[in-house]
Amino acid sequence: MTALTSLVCLTGGAALAANAARFPTWTARMETAGGLALVVGLAMIGVGLNGHA
């Protein structure tokens, strides 16, 4: 479940950041939301990794 949620966050964040230029009045907000979603998605991947080698 964590992997699926992480994938959704990464994909959604990339889509928001990529399409931000199409909406000039919302560019900063969309880039911020996209960056935050990317960071959260990567953090979920890190949480899902097992620390034991």
PDB file of N, CA and C in Angstrom:
ATOM      1  N   MET A   1       0.823  -1.190   0.000  1.00  0.00           N
ATOM      2  CA  MET A   1       0.000   0.000   0.000  1.00  0.00           C
ATOM      3  C   MET A   1       0.870   1.257   0.000  1.00  0.00           C
ATOM      4  N   THR A   2       1.955   1.229   0.750  1.00  0.00           N
ATOM      5  CA  THR A   2       2.847   2.376   0.795  1.00  0.00           C
ATOM      6  C   THR A   2       3.480   2.624  -0.570  1.00  0.00           C
ATOM      7  N   ALA A   3       3.813   1.556  -1.274  1.00  0.00           N
ATOM      8  CA  ALA A   3       4.419   1.714  -2.598  1.00  0.00           C
ATOM      9  C   ALA A   3       3.439   2.359  -3.570  1.00  0.00           C
ATOM     10  N   LEU A   4       2.187   2.000  -3.506  1.00  0.00           N
ATOM     11  CA  LEU A   4       1.180   2.578  -4.397  1.00  0.00           C
ATOM     12  C   LEU A   4       0.963   4.052  -4.073  1.00  0.00           C
ATOM     13  N   THR A   5       0.862   4.379  -2.813  1.00  0.00           N
ATOM     14  CA  THR A   5       0.695   5.772  -2.405  1.00  0.00           C
ATOM     15  C   THR A   5       1.911   6.595  -2.797  1.00  0.00           C
ATOM     16  N   SER A   6       3.091   6.024  -2.655  1.00  0.00           N
ATOM     17  CA  SER A   6       4.310   6.710  -3.055  1.00  0.00           C
ATOM     18  C   SER A   6       4.312   6.968  -4.554  1.00  0.00           C
ATOM     19  N   LEU A   7       3.908   5.996  -5.330  1.00  0.00           N
ATOM     20  CA  LEU A   7       3.847   6.156  -6.784  1.00  0.00           C
ATOM     21  C   LEU A   7       2.857   7.245  -7.178  1.00  0.00           C
ATOM     22  N   VAL A   8       1.727   7.298  -6.508  1.00  0.00           N
ATOM     23  CA  VAL A   8       0.729   8.334  -6.785  1.00  0.00           C
ATOM     24  C   VAL A   8       1.289   9.712  -6.448  1.00  0.00           C
ATOM     25  N   CYS A   9       1.985   9.834  -5.324  1.00  0.00           N
ATOM     26  CA  CYS A   9       2.580  11.112  -4.944  1.00  0.00           C
ATOM     27  C   CYS A   9       3.646  11.543  -5.944  1.00  0.00           C
ATOM     28  N   LEU A  10       4.498  10.626  -6.352  1.00  0.00           N
ATOM     29  CA  LEU A  10       5.550  10.959  -7.306  1.00  0.00           C
ATOM     30  C   LEU A  10       4.972  11.364  -8.664  1.00  0.00           C
ATOM     31  N   THR A  11       4.001  10.616  -9.137  1.00  0.00           N
ATOM     32  CA  THR A  11       3.386  10.917 -10.423  1.00  0.00           C
ATOM     33  C   THR A  11       2.603  12.232 -10.373  1.00  0.00           C
ATOM     34  N   GLY A  12       1.842  12.404  -9.326  1.00  0.00           N
ATOM     35  CA  GLY A  12       1.078  13.646  -9.180  1.00  0.00           C
ATOM     36  C   GLY A  12       1.965  14.861  -9.027  1.00  0.00           C
ATOM     37  N   GLY A  13       3.041  14.714  -8.265  1.00  0.00           N
ATOM     38  CA  GLY A  13       3.974  15.822  -8.090  1.00  0.00           C
ATOM     39  C   GLY A  13       4.651  16.209  -9.389  1.00  0.00           C
ATOM     40  N   ALA A  14       5.054  15.216 -10.153  1.00  0.00           N
ATOM     41  CA  ALA A  14       5.681  15.491 -11.445  1.00  0.00           C
ATOM     42  C   ALA A  14       4.688  16.144 -12.404  1.00  0.00           C
ATOM     43  N   ALA A  15       3.451  15.697 -12.393  1.00  0.00           N
ATOM     44  CA  ALA A  15       2.436  16.287 -13.267  1.00  0.00           C
ATOM     45  C   ALA A  15       2.140  17.729 -12.877  1.00  0.00           C
ATOM     46  N   LEU A  16       2.044  17.995 -11.590  1.00  0.00           N
ATOM     47  CA  LEU A  16       1.802  19.370 -11.144  1.00  0.00           C
ATOM     48  C   LEU A  16       2.949  20.288 -11.542  1.00  0.00           C
ATOM     49  N   ALA A  17       4.164  19.854 -11.291  1.00  0.00           N
ATOM     50  CA  ALA A  17       5.318  20.686 -11.599  1.00  0.00           C
ATOM     51  C   ALA A  17       5.467  20.900 -13.105  1.00  0.00           C
ATOM     52  N   ALA A  18       5.174  19.894 -13.893  1.00  0.00           N
ATOM     53  CA  ALA A  18       5.320  20.007 -15.344  1.00  0.00           C
ATOM     54  C   ALA A  18       4.271  20.919 -15.965  1.00  0.00           C
ATOM     55  N   ASN A  19       3.086  20.941 -15.413  1.00  0.00           N
ATOM     56  CA  ASN A  19       2.003  21.740 -15.980  1.00  0.00           C
ATOM     57  C   ASN A  19       1.859  23.114 -15.340  1.00  0.00           C
ATOM     58  N   ALA A  20       2.736  23.466 -14.437  1.00  0.00           N
ATOM     59  CA  ALA A  20       2.614  24.748 -13.736  1.00  0.00           C
ATOM     60  C   ALA A  20       2.729  25.939 -14.676  1.00  0.00           C
ATOM     61  N   ALA A  21       3.515  25.822 -15.720  1.00  0.00           N
ATOM     62  CA  ALA A  21       3.703  26.950 -16.641  1.00  0.00           C
ATOM     63  C   ALA A  21       2.436  27.268 -17.433  1.00  0.00           C
ATOM     64  N   ARG A  22       1.526  26.346 -17.521  1.00  0.00           N
ATOM     65  CA  ARG A  22       0.285  26.572 -18.280  1.00  0.00           C
ATOM     66  C   ARG A  22      -0.691  27.476 -17.536  1.00  0.00           C
ATOM     67  N   PHE A  23      -0.500  27.642 -16.242  1.00  0.00           N
ATOM     68  CA  PHE A  23      -1.398  28.445 -15.418  1.00  0.00           C
ATOM     69  C   PHE A  23      -0.582  29.525 -14.713  1.00  0.00           C
ATOM     70  N   PRO A  24      -0.381  30.667 -15.364  1.00  0.00           N
ATOM     71  CA  PRO A  24       0.524  31.694 -14.830  1.00  0.00           C
ATOM     72  C   PRO A  24       0.158  32.203 -13.437  1.00  0.00           C
ATOM     73  N   THR A  25      -1.114  32.296 -13.122  1.00  0.00           N
ATOM     74  CA  THR A  25      -1.493  32.816 -11.813  1.00  0.00           C
ATOM     75  C   THR A  25      -1.287  31.787 -10.701  1.00  0.00           C
ATOM     76  N   TRP A  26      -1.178  30.528 -11.059  1.00  0.00           N
ATOM     77  CA  TRP A  26      -1.034  29.459 -10.073  1.00  0.00           C
ATOM     78  C   TRP A  26       0.339  28.791 -10.125  1.00  0.00           C
ATOM     79  N   THR A  27       1.269  29.329 -10.904  1.00  0.00           N
ATOM     80  CA  THR A  27       2.558  28.672 -11.114  1.00  0.00           C
ATOM     81  C   THR A  27       3.287  28.384  -9.813  1.00  0.00           C
ATOM     82  N   ALA A  28       3.423  29.373  -8.958  1.00  0.00           N
ATOM     83  CA  ALA A  28       4.171  29.182  -7.708  1.00  0.00           C
ATOM     84  C   ALA A  28       3.496  28.148  -6.810  1.00  0.00           C
ATOM     85  N   ARG A  29       2.190  28.197  -6.731  1.00  0.00           N
ATOM     86  CA  ARG A  29       1.472  27.245  -5.867  1.00  0.00           C
ATOM     87  C   ARG A  29       1.581  25.822  -6.398  1.00  0.00           C
ATOM     88  N   MET A  30       1.462  25.683  -7.723  1.00  0.00           N
ATOM     89  CA  MET A  30       1.543  24.349  -8.317  1.00  0.00           C
ATOM     90  C   MET A  30       2.947  23.772  -8.198  1.00  0.00           C
ATOM     91  N   GLU A  31       3.970  24.612  -8.377  1.00  0.00           N
ATOM     92  CA  GLU A  31       5.331  24.121  -8.228  1.00  0.00           C
ATOM     93  C   GLU A  31       5.621  23.732  -6.783  1.00  0.00           C
ATOM     94  N   THR A  32       5.088  24.504  -5.842  1.00  0.00           N
ATOM     95  CA  THR A  32       5.266  24.172  -4.431  1.00  0.00           C
ATOM     96  C   THR A  32       4.569  22.860  -4.083  1.00  0.00           C
ATOM     97  N   ALA A  33       3.333  22.711  -4.540  1.00  0.00           N
ATOM     98  CA  ALA A  33       2.581  21.478  -4.269  1.00  0.00           C
ATOM     99  C   ALA A  33       3.233  20.284  -4.950  1.00  0.00           C
ATOM    100  N   GLY A  34       3.712  20.472  -6.171  1.00  0.00           N
ATOM    101  CA  GLY A  34       4.384  19.382  -6.876  1.00  0.00           C
ATOM    102  C   GLY A  34       5.670  18.973  -6.185  1.00  0.00           C
ATOM    103  N   GLY A  35       6.454  19.947  -5.757  1.00  0.00           N
ATOM    104  CA  GLY A  35       7.695  19.637  -5.044  1.00  0.00           C
ATOM    105  C   GLY A  35       7.428  18.942  -3.723  1.00  0.00           C
ATOM    106  N   LEU A  36       6.421  19.403  -3.007  1.00  0.00           N
ATOM    107  CA  LEU A  36       6.069  18.763  -1.738  1.00  0.00           C
ATOM    108  C   LEU A  36       5.606  17.328  -1.958  1.00  0.00           C
ATOM    109  N   ALA A  37       4.821  17.099  -3.001  1.00  0.00           N
ATOM    110  CA  ALA A  37       4.359  15.741  -3.300  1.00  0.00           C
ATOM    111  C   ALA A  37       5.533  14.838  -3.672  1.00  0.00           C
ATOM    112  N   LEU A  38       6.500  15.369  -4.413  1.00  0.00           N
ATOM    113  CA  LEU A  38       7.687  14.574  -4.751  1.00  0.00           C
ATOM    114  C   LEU A  38       8.474  14.206  -3.499  1.00  0.00           C
ATOM    115  N   VAL A  39       8.656  15.166  -2.607  1.00  0.00           N
ATOM    116  CA  VAL A  39       9.398  14.901  -1.370  1.00  0.00           C
ATOM    117  C   VAL A  39       8.662  13.874  -0.510  1.00  0.00           C
ATOM    118  N   VAL A  40       7.356  14.002  -0.401  1.00  0.00           N
ATOM    119  CA  VAL A  40       6.573  13.044   0.394  1.00  0.00           C
ATOM    120  C   VAL A  40       6.644  11.653  -0.229  1.00  0.00           C
ATOM    121  N   GLY A  41       6.567  11.584  -1.553  1.00  0.00           N
ATOM    122  CA  GLY A  41       6.667  10.286  -2.226  1.00  0.00           C
ATOM    123  C   GLY A  41       8.011   9.627  -1.988  1.00  0.00           C
ATOM    124  N   LEU A  42       9.083  10.404  -2.068  1.00  0.00           N
ATOM    125  CA  LEU A  42      10.416   9.850  -1.807  1.00  0.00           C
ATOM    126  C   LEU A  42      10.579   9.466  -0.333  1.00  0.00           C
ATOM    127  N   ALA A  43       9.986  10.245   0.551  1.00  0.00           N
ATOM    128  CA  ALA A  43      10.051   9.903   1.976  1.00  0.00           C
ATOM    129  C   ALA A  43       9.324   8.595   2.257  1.00  0.00           C
ATOM    130  N   MET A  44       8.212   8.369   1.578  1.00  0.00           N
ATOM    131  CA  MET A  44       7.489   7.103   1.766  1.00  0.00           C
ATOM    132  C   MET A  44       8.298   5.921   1.267  1.00  0.00           C
ATOM    133  N   ILE A  45       9.027   6.120   0.180  1.00  0.00           N
ATOM    134  CA  ILE A  45       9.903   5.052  -0.292  1.00  0.00           C
ATOM    135  C   ILE A  45      10.968   4.755   0.760  1.00  0.00           C
ATOM    136  N   GLY A  46      11.533   5.831   1.345  1.00  0.00           N
ATOM    137  CA  GLY A  46      12.558   5.654   2.376  1.00  0.00           C
ATOM    138  C   GLY A  46      12.019   4.955   3.604  1.00  0.00           C
ATOM    139  N   VAL A  47      10.799   5.260   3.982  1.00  0.00           N
ATOM    140  CA  VAL A  47      10.193   4.602   5.147  1.00  0.00           C
ATOM    141  C   VAL A  47       9.960   3.121   4.849  1.00  0.00           C
ATOM    142  N   GLY A  48       9.619   2.835   3.605  1.00  0.00           N
ATOM    143  CA  GLY A  48       9.326   1.453   3.227  1.00  0.00           C
ATOM    144  C   GLY A  48      10.554   0.573   3.123  1.00  0.00           C
ATOM    145  N   LEU A  49      11.720   1.182   2.996  1.00  0.00           N
ATOM    146  CA  LEU A  49      12.931   0.372   2.893  1.00  0.00           C
ATOM    147  C   LEU A  49      13.281  -0.241   4.235  1.00  0.00           C
ATOM    148  N   ASN A  50      13.763  -1.430   4.182  1.00  0.00           N
ATOM    149  CA  ASN A  50      14.162  -2.103   5.401  1.00  0.00           C
ATOM    150  C   ASN A  50      15.617  -1.724   5.711  1.00  0.00           C
ATOM    151  N   GLY A  51      15.888  -1.271   6.908  1.00  0.00           N
ATOM    152  CA  GLY A  51      17.223  -0.815   7.275  1.00  0.00           C
ATOM    153  C   GLY A  51      18.202  -1.936   7.528  1.00  0.00           C
ATOM    154  N   HIS A  52      17.756  -3.168   7.563  1.00  0.00           N
ATOM    155  CA  HIS A  52      18.637  -4.302   7.846  1.00  0.00           C
ATOM    156  C   HIS A  52      19.152  -4.885   6.543  1.00  0.00           C
ATOM    157  N   ALA A  53      20.444  -4.988   6.448  1.00  0.00           N
ATOM    158  CA  ALA A  53      21.039  -5.526   5.217  1.00  0.00           C
ATOM    159  C   ALA A  53      21.241  -7.021   5.285  1.00  0.00           C
TER     160      ALA A  53
END
